[in-house]
Amino acid sequence: MQQSYDSNDNLIEFVLRNADRIQKCVDEKKVDPGVSRDNNVGGGRSRISDPTAMQALHRVESVGFIHCPYGPAINGKRDTRYIRCPEKWLTIEKMTREFYTRDAEKELVREVYQRRYLQGEYGERWEITCAKLKISRTWYYSLVHDVIRFAGLYAAGMGLIAPYSKFGEKRE
């Protein structure tokens, strides 16, 4: 039986798995001179006519949202994921990665984290990880939900998701 995730869990898992891709989208949006943070052509700043100043403002402002492509390209097109406040999500990913990969006492959860989120776009399948680490599927998903809850609480603290949403439970 497949685990059920709500939309916050899906977003958190997407961010943890695709941090490099999200960073690339943020960098591309910051250097694009013709698109403002809200996608208005020309920058939307009629008071500023200096192109160098406009370029500098684009690079220091936080990006409001991105459309991050993922998955295989079919007929030259890929699926995209809308992410608002991507730089905050990248901070959450960085803090989660540091928390779960630095301590020696969290060796098992570190190993699960690295195999699930740091090995390619989809990570290693749970069956392979469970066999290599000699743990049950239940214990594996318990560790995964621990990671998702940590990142979710951090996201709630940064105001990205509602603090009262239930992590790991399906919405009705």
C-alpha atoms as a PDB file:
ATOM      1  CA  MET A   1       0.000   0.000   0.000  1.00  0.00           C
ATOM      2  CA  GLN A   2       1.373   3.390  -1.036  1.00  0.00           C
ATOM      3  CA  GLN A   3       2.008   6.010   1.641  1.00  0.00           C
ATOM      4  CA  SER A   4      -0.369   8.983   1.462  1.00  0.00           C
ATOM      5  CA  TYR A   5       1.055  12.480   1.625  1.00  0.00           C
ATOM      6  CA  ASP A   6      -0.684  15.809   1.698  1.00  0.00           C
ATOM      7  CA  SER A   7       0.387  18.640  -0.597  1.00  0.00           C
ATOM      8  CA  ASN A   8       2.824  20.071   1.986  1.00  0.00           C
ATOM      9  CA  ASP A   9       4.615  16.742   2.223  1.00  0.00           C
ATOM     10  CA  ASN A  10       4.824  16.518  -1.560  1.00  0.00           C
ATOM     11  CA  LEU A  11       6.258  20.025  -1.740  1.00  0.00           C
ATOM     12  CA  ILE A  12       8.795  19.295   0.996  1.00  0.00           C
ATOM     13  CA  GLU A  13       9.893  16.082  -0.713  1.00  0.00           C
ATOM     14  CA  PHE A  14      10.170  17.928  -4.044  1.00  0.00           C
ATOM     15  CA  VAL A  15      12.367  20.614  -2.478  1.00  0.00           C
ATOM     16  CA  LEU A  16      14.588  18.079  -0.703  1.00  0.00           C
ATOM     17  CA  ARG A  17      15.087  16.108  -3.922  1.00  0.00           C
ATOM     18  CA  ASN A  18      15.475  19.030  -6.335  1.00  0.00           C
ATOM     19  CA  ALA A  19      17.440  21.702  -4.459  1.00  0.00           C
ATOM     20  CA  ASP A  20      20.045  22.031  -7.230  1.00  0.00           C
ATOM     21  CA  ARG A  21      17.354  22.438  -9.869  1.00  0.00           C
ATOM     22  CA  ILE A  22      15.513  25.036  -7.748  1.00  0.00           C
ATOM     23  CA  GLN A  23      18.754  26.965  -7.197  1.00  0.00           C
ATOM     24  CA  LYS A  24      19.374  26.964 -10.944  1.00  0.00           C
ATOM     25  CA  CYS A  25      15.864  28.360 -11.581  1.00  0.00           C
ATOM     26  CA  VAL A  26      16.394  31.085  -8.963  1.00  0.00           C
ATOM     27  CA  ASP A  27      19.749  32.046 -10.485  1.00  0.00           C
ATOM     28  CA  GLU A  28      18.245  32.173 -13.982  1.00  0.00           C
ATOM     29  CA  LYS A  29      15.369  34.351 -12.817  1.00  0.00           C
ATOM     30  CA  LYS A  30      17.730  36.764 -11.062  1.00  0.00           C
ATOM     31  CA  VAL A  31      19.846  37.385 -14.153  1.00  0.00           C
ATOM     32  CA  ASP A  32      16.931  37.647 -16.600  1.00  0.00           C
ATOM     33  CA  PRO A  33      16.816  41.402 -17.345  1.00  0.00           C
ATOM     34  CA  GLY A  34      13.372  41.415 -18.964  1.00  0.00           C
ATOM     35  CA  VAL A  35      11.345  39.754 -16.215  1.00  0.00           C
ATOM     36  CA  SER A  36      10.554  41.261 -12.840  1.00  0.00           C
ATOM     37  CA  ARG A  37       9.764  39.294  -9.717  1.00  0.00           C
ATOM     38  CA  ASP A  38       6.084  39.177 -10.696  1.00  0.00           C
ATOM     39  CA  ASN A  39       6.806  38.386 -14.389  1.00  0.00           C
ATOM     40  CA  ASN A  40       5.938  41.836 -15.764  1.00  0.00           C
ATOM     41  CA  VAL A  41       8.058  42.640 -18.798  1.00  0.00           C
ATOM     42  CA  GLY A  42      10.254  45.684 -18.306  1.00  0.00           C
ATOM     43  CA  GLY A  43      10.684  45.303 -14.591  1.00  0.00           C
ATOM     44  CA  GLY A  44       7.622  47.227 -13.432  1.00  0.00           C
ATOM     45  CA  ARG A  45       9.736  50.069 -12.040  1.00  0.00           C
ATOM     46  CA  SER A  46       8.905  53.178 -14.004  1.00  0.00           C
ATOM     47  CA  ARG A  47      10.893  55.329 -11.544  1.00  0.00           C
ATOM     48  CA  ILE A  48      14.188  53.614 -12.372  1.00  0.00           C
ATOM     49  CA  SER A  49      15.506  54.068 -15.888  1.00  0.00           C
ATOM     50  CA  ASP A  50      19.113  53.051 -15.264  1.00  0.00           C
ATOM     51  CA  PRO A  51      19.583  49.527 -16.695  1.00  0.00           C
ATOM     52  CA  THR A  52      22.583  48.833 -14.455  1.00  0.00           C
ATOM     53  CA  ALA A  53      20.562  49.749 -11.369  1.00  0.00           C
ATOM     54  CA  MET A  54      17.709  47.552 -12.575  1.00  0.00           C
ATOM     55  CA  GLN A  55      20.084  44.634 -13.028  1.00  0.00           C
ATOM     56  CA  ALA A  56      21.565  45.154  -9.555  1.00  0.00           C
ATOM     57  CA  LEU A  57      18.104  45.317  -7.976  1.00  0.00           C
ATOM     58  CA  HIS A  58      17.074  42.091  -9.692  1.00  0.00           C
ATOM     59  CA  ARG A  59      20.122  40.283  -8.331  1.00  0.00           C
ATOM     60  CA  VAL A  60      19.680  41.359  -4.696  1.00  0.00           C
ATOM     61  CA  GLU A  61      15.888  41.094  -4.453  1.00  0.00           C
ATOM     62  CA  SER A  62      14.408  37.837  -3.308  1.00  0.00           C
ATOM     63  CA  VAL A  63      12.586  35.870  -5.976  1.00  0.00           C
ATOM     64  CA  GLY A  64       8.840  35.696  -5.362  1.00  0.00           C
ATOM     65  CA  PHE A  65       8.215  32.457  -7.228  1.00  0.00           C
ATOM     66  CA  ILE A  66       9.610  30.106  -9.845  1.00  0.00           C
ATOM     67  CA  HIS A  67       8.334  27.419 -12.156  1.00  0.00           C
ATOM     68  CA  CYS A  68      10.774  24.552 -11.694  1.00  0.00           C
ATOM     69  CA  PRO A  69      10.902  21.915 -14.462  1.00  0.00           C
ATOM     70  CA  TYR A  70      11.295  18.273 -13.474  1.00  0.00           C
ATOM     71  CA  GLY A  71      10.871  14.784 -14.859  1.00  0.00           C
ATOM     72  CA  PRO A  72      11.586  13.472 -18.337  1.00  0.00           C
ATOM     73  CA  ALA A  73      11.172  15.658 -21.416  1.00  0.00           C
ATOM     74  CA  ILE A  74       8.356  14.403 -23.618  1.00  0.00           C
ATOM     75  CA  ASN A  75       8.194  16.109 -27.026  1.00  0.00           C
ATOM     76  CA  GLY A  76      10.554  18.758 -25.662  1.00  0.00           C
ATOM     77  CA  LYS A  77       8.295  19.633 -22.716  1.00  0.00           C
ATOM     78  CA  ARG A  78       8.674  18.847 -19.029  1.00  0.00           C
ATOM     79  CA  ASP A  79       6.368  19.065 -16.039  1.00  0.00           C
ATOM     80  CA  THR A  80       6.838  22.148 -13.883  1.00  0.00           C
ATOM     81  CA  ARG A  81       6.271  22.818 -10.205  1.00  0.00           C
ATOM     82  CA  TYR A  82       5.220  26.259  -8.977  1.00  0.00           C
ATOM     83  CA  ILE A  83       7.198  27.242  -5.877  1.00  0.00           C
ATOM     84  CA  ARG A  84       6.692  30.510  -4.059  1.00  0.00           C
ATOM     85  CA  CYS A  85       9.541  31.940  -1.944  1.00  0.00           C
ATOM     86  CA  PRO A  86      12.080  29.479  -3.402  1.00  0.00           C
ATOM     87  CA  GLU A  87      15.018  31.003  -1.541  1.00  0.00           C
ATOM     88  CA  LYS A  88      13.335  30.286   1.797  1.00  0.00           C
ATOM     89  CA  TRP A  89      12.713  26.706   0.665  1.00  0.00           C
ATOM     90  CA  LEU A  90      16.394  26.397  -0.246  1.00  0.00           C
ATOM     91  CA  THR A  91      17.283  27.562   3.265  1.00  0.00           C
ATOM     92  CA  ILE A  92      14.996  24.880   4.683  1.00  0.00           C
ATOM     93  CA  GLU A  93      16.616  22.233   2.484  1.00  0.00           C
ATOM     94  CA  LYS A  94      20.087  23.345   3.550  1.00  0.00           C
ATOM     95  CA  MET A  95      19.228  23.330   7.265  1.00  0.00           C
ATOM     96  CA  THR A  96      17.518  19.924   6.984  1.00  0.00           C
ATOM     97  CA  ARG A  97      20.468  18.450   5.089  1.00  0.00           C
ATOM     98  CA  GLU A  98      22.950  19.837   7.635  1.00  0.00           C
ATOM     99  CA  PHE A  99      20.890  18.576  10.584  1.00  0.00           C
ATOM    100  CA  TYR A 100      20.573  15.033   9.248  1.00  0.00           C
ATOM    101  CA  THR A 101      24.043  14.604   7.740  1.00  0.00           C
ATOM    102  CA  ARG A 102      26.362  16.058  10.394  1.00  0.00           C
ATOM    103  CA  ASP A 103      25.747  14.019  13.564  1.00  0.00           C
ATOM    104  CA  ALA A 104      27.319  10.587  13.970  1.00  0.00           C
ATOM    105  CA  GLU A 105      24.588   9.516  16.412  1.00  0.00           C
ATOM    106  CA  LYS A 106      21.966   9.797  13.649  1.00  0.00           C
ATOM    107  CA  GLU A 107      23.780   7.346  11.383  1.00  0.00           C
ATOM    108  CA  LEU A 108      20.693   5.407  10.268  1.00  0.00           C
ATOM    109  CA  VAL A 109      18.539   8.432   9.480  1.00  0.00           C
ATOM    110  CA  ARG A 110      21.532  10.072   7.765  1.00  0.00           C
ATOM    111  CA  GLU A 111      21.925   7.016   5.557  1.00  0.00           C
ATOM    112  CA  VAL A 112      18.199   6.995   4.692  1.00  0.00           C
ATOM    113  CA  TYR A 113      18.298  10.762   4.007  1.00  0.00           C
ATOM    114  CA  GLN A 114      21.268  10.473   1.671  1.00  0.00           C
ATOM    115  CA  ARG A 115      19.816   7.506  -0.214  1.00  0.00           C
ATOM    116  CA  ARG A 116      16.343   9.064  -0.584  1.00  0.00           C
ATOM    117  CA  TYR A 117      17.148  12.716  -1.277  1.00  0.00           C
ATOM    118  CA  LEU A 118      20.758  13.041  -2.414  1.00  0.00           C
ATOM    119  CA  GLN A 119      20.971  10.274  -5.034  1.00  0.00           C
ATOM    120  CA  GLY A 120      19.491  11.636  -8.220  1.00  0.00           C
ATOM    121  CA  GLU A 121      16.057  13.010  -8.954  1.00  0.00           C
ATOM    122  CA  TYR A 122      14.067  10.118  -7.507  1.00  0.00           C
ATOM    123  CA  GLY A 123      16.539   8.682  -5.013  1.00  0.00           C
ATOM    124  CA  GLU A 124      17.008   5.044  -4.220  1.00  0.00           C
ATOM    125  CA  ARG A 125      13.906   2.837  -3.976  1.00  0.00           C
ATOM    126  CA  TRP A 126      12.815   1.998  -0.454  1.00  0.00           C
ATOM    127  CA  GLU A 127      13.177  -1.744  -1.076  1.00  0.00           C
ATOM    128  CA  ILE A 128      16.873  -1.385  -1.895  1.00  0.00           C
ATOM    129  CA  THR A 129      17.547   0.909   1.054  1.00  0.00           C
ATOM    130  CA  CYS A 130      15.724  -1.392   3.471  1.00  0.00           C
ATOM    131  CA  ALA A 131      17.668  -4.421   2.223  1.00  0.00           C
ATOM    132  CA  LYS A 132      21.043  -2.661   2.453  1.00  0.00           C
ATOM    133  CA  LEU A 133      20.373  -1.195   5.898  1.00  0.00           C
ATOM    134  CA  LYS A 134      18.508  -4.256   7.138  1.00  0.00           C
ATOM    135  CA  ILE A 135      15.476  -2.321   8.355  1.00  0.00           C
ATOM    136  CA  SER A 136      11.753  -2.812   7.845  1.00  0.00           C
ATOM    137  CA  ARG A 137       9.587  -0.747   5.525  1.00  0.00           C
ATOM    138  CA  THR A 138       7.745   0.638   8.565  1.00  0.00           C
ATOM    139  CA  TRP A 139      10.981   1.811  10.182  1.00  0.00           C
ATOM    140  CA  TYR A 140      12.168   3.302   6.867  1.00  0.00           C
ATOM    141  CA  TYR A 141       9.002   5.396   6.464  1.00  0.00           C
ATOM    142  CA  SER A 142       9.154   6.385  10.122  1.00  0.00           C
ATOM    143  CA  LEU A 143      12.592   7.890   9.459  1.00  0.00           C
ATOM    144  CA  VAL A 144      11.364   9.555   6.243  1.00  0.00           C
ATOM    145  CA  HIS A 145       8.419  11.114   8.096  1.00  0.00           C
ATOM    146  CA  ASP A 146      10.827  12.377  10.744  1.00  0.00           C
ATOM    147  CA  VAL A 147      12.754  14.236   8.035  1.00  0.00           C
ATOM    148  CA  ILE A 148       9.545  15.606   6.496  1.00  0.00           C
ATOM    149  CA  ARG A 149       8.251  16.755   9.897  1.00  0.00           C
ATOM    150  CA  PHE A 150      11.553  18.507  10.660  1.00  0.00           C
ATOM    151  CA  ALA A 151      11.500  20.373   7.349  1.00  0.00           C
ATOM    152  CA  GLY A 152       7.769  21.068   7.700  1.00  0.00           C
ATOM    153  CA  LEU A 153       8.175  22.608  11.141  1.00  0.00           C
ATOM    154  CA  TYR A 154      11.026  24.725   9.848  1.00  0.00           C
ATOM    155  CA  ALA A 155       8.801  25.827   6.925  1.00  0.00           C
ATOM    156  CA  ALA A 156       5.973  26.671   9.324  1.00  0.00           C
ATOM    157  CA  GLY A 157       8.412  28.738  11.366  1.00  0.00           C
ATOM    158  CA  MET A 158       9.361  30.668   8.228  1.00  0.00           C
ATOM    159  CA  GLY A 159       5.705  31.242   7.344  1.00  0.00           C
ATOM    160  CA  LEU A 160       5.661  29.083   4.211  1.00  0.00           C
ATOM    161  CA  ILE A 161       3.019  26.625   5.372  1.00  0.00           C
ATOM    162  CA  ALA A 162       0.313  26.783   7.992  1.00  0.00           C
ATOM    163  CA  PRO A 163       1.582  25.670  11.405  1.00  0.00           C
ATOM    164  CA  TYR A 164      -1.579  23.695  12.068  1.00  0.00           C
ATOM    165  CA  SER A 165      -1.396  21.447   8.992  1.00  0.00           C
ATOM    166  CA  LYS A 166      -0.818  17.789   9.809  1.00  0.00           C
ATOM    167  CA  PHE A 167       2.308  16.325   8.274  1.00  0.00           C
ATOM    168  CA  GLY A 168       1.970  12.870   6.777  1.00  0.00           C
ATOM    169  CA  GLU A 169      -1.816  12.757   6.986  1.00  0.00           C
ATOM    170  CA  LYS A 170      -4.121  13.002   4.017  1.00  0.00           C
ATOM    171  CA  ARG A 171      -6.397  16.038   3.889  1.00  0.00           C
ATOM    172  CA  GLU A 172     -10.131  15.458   3.759  1.00  0.00           C
END
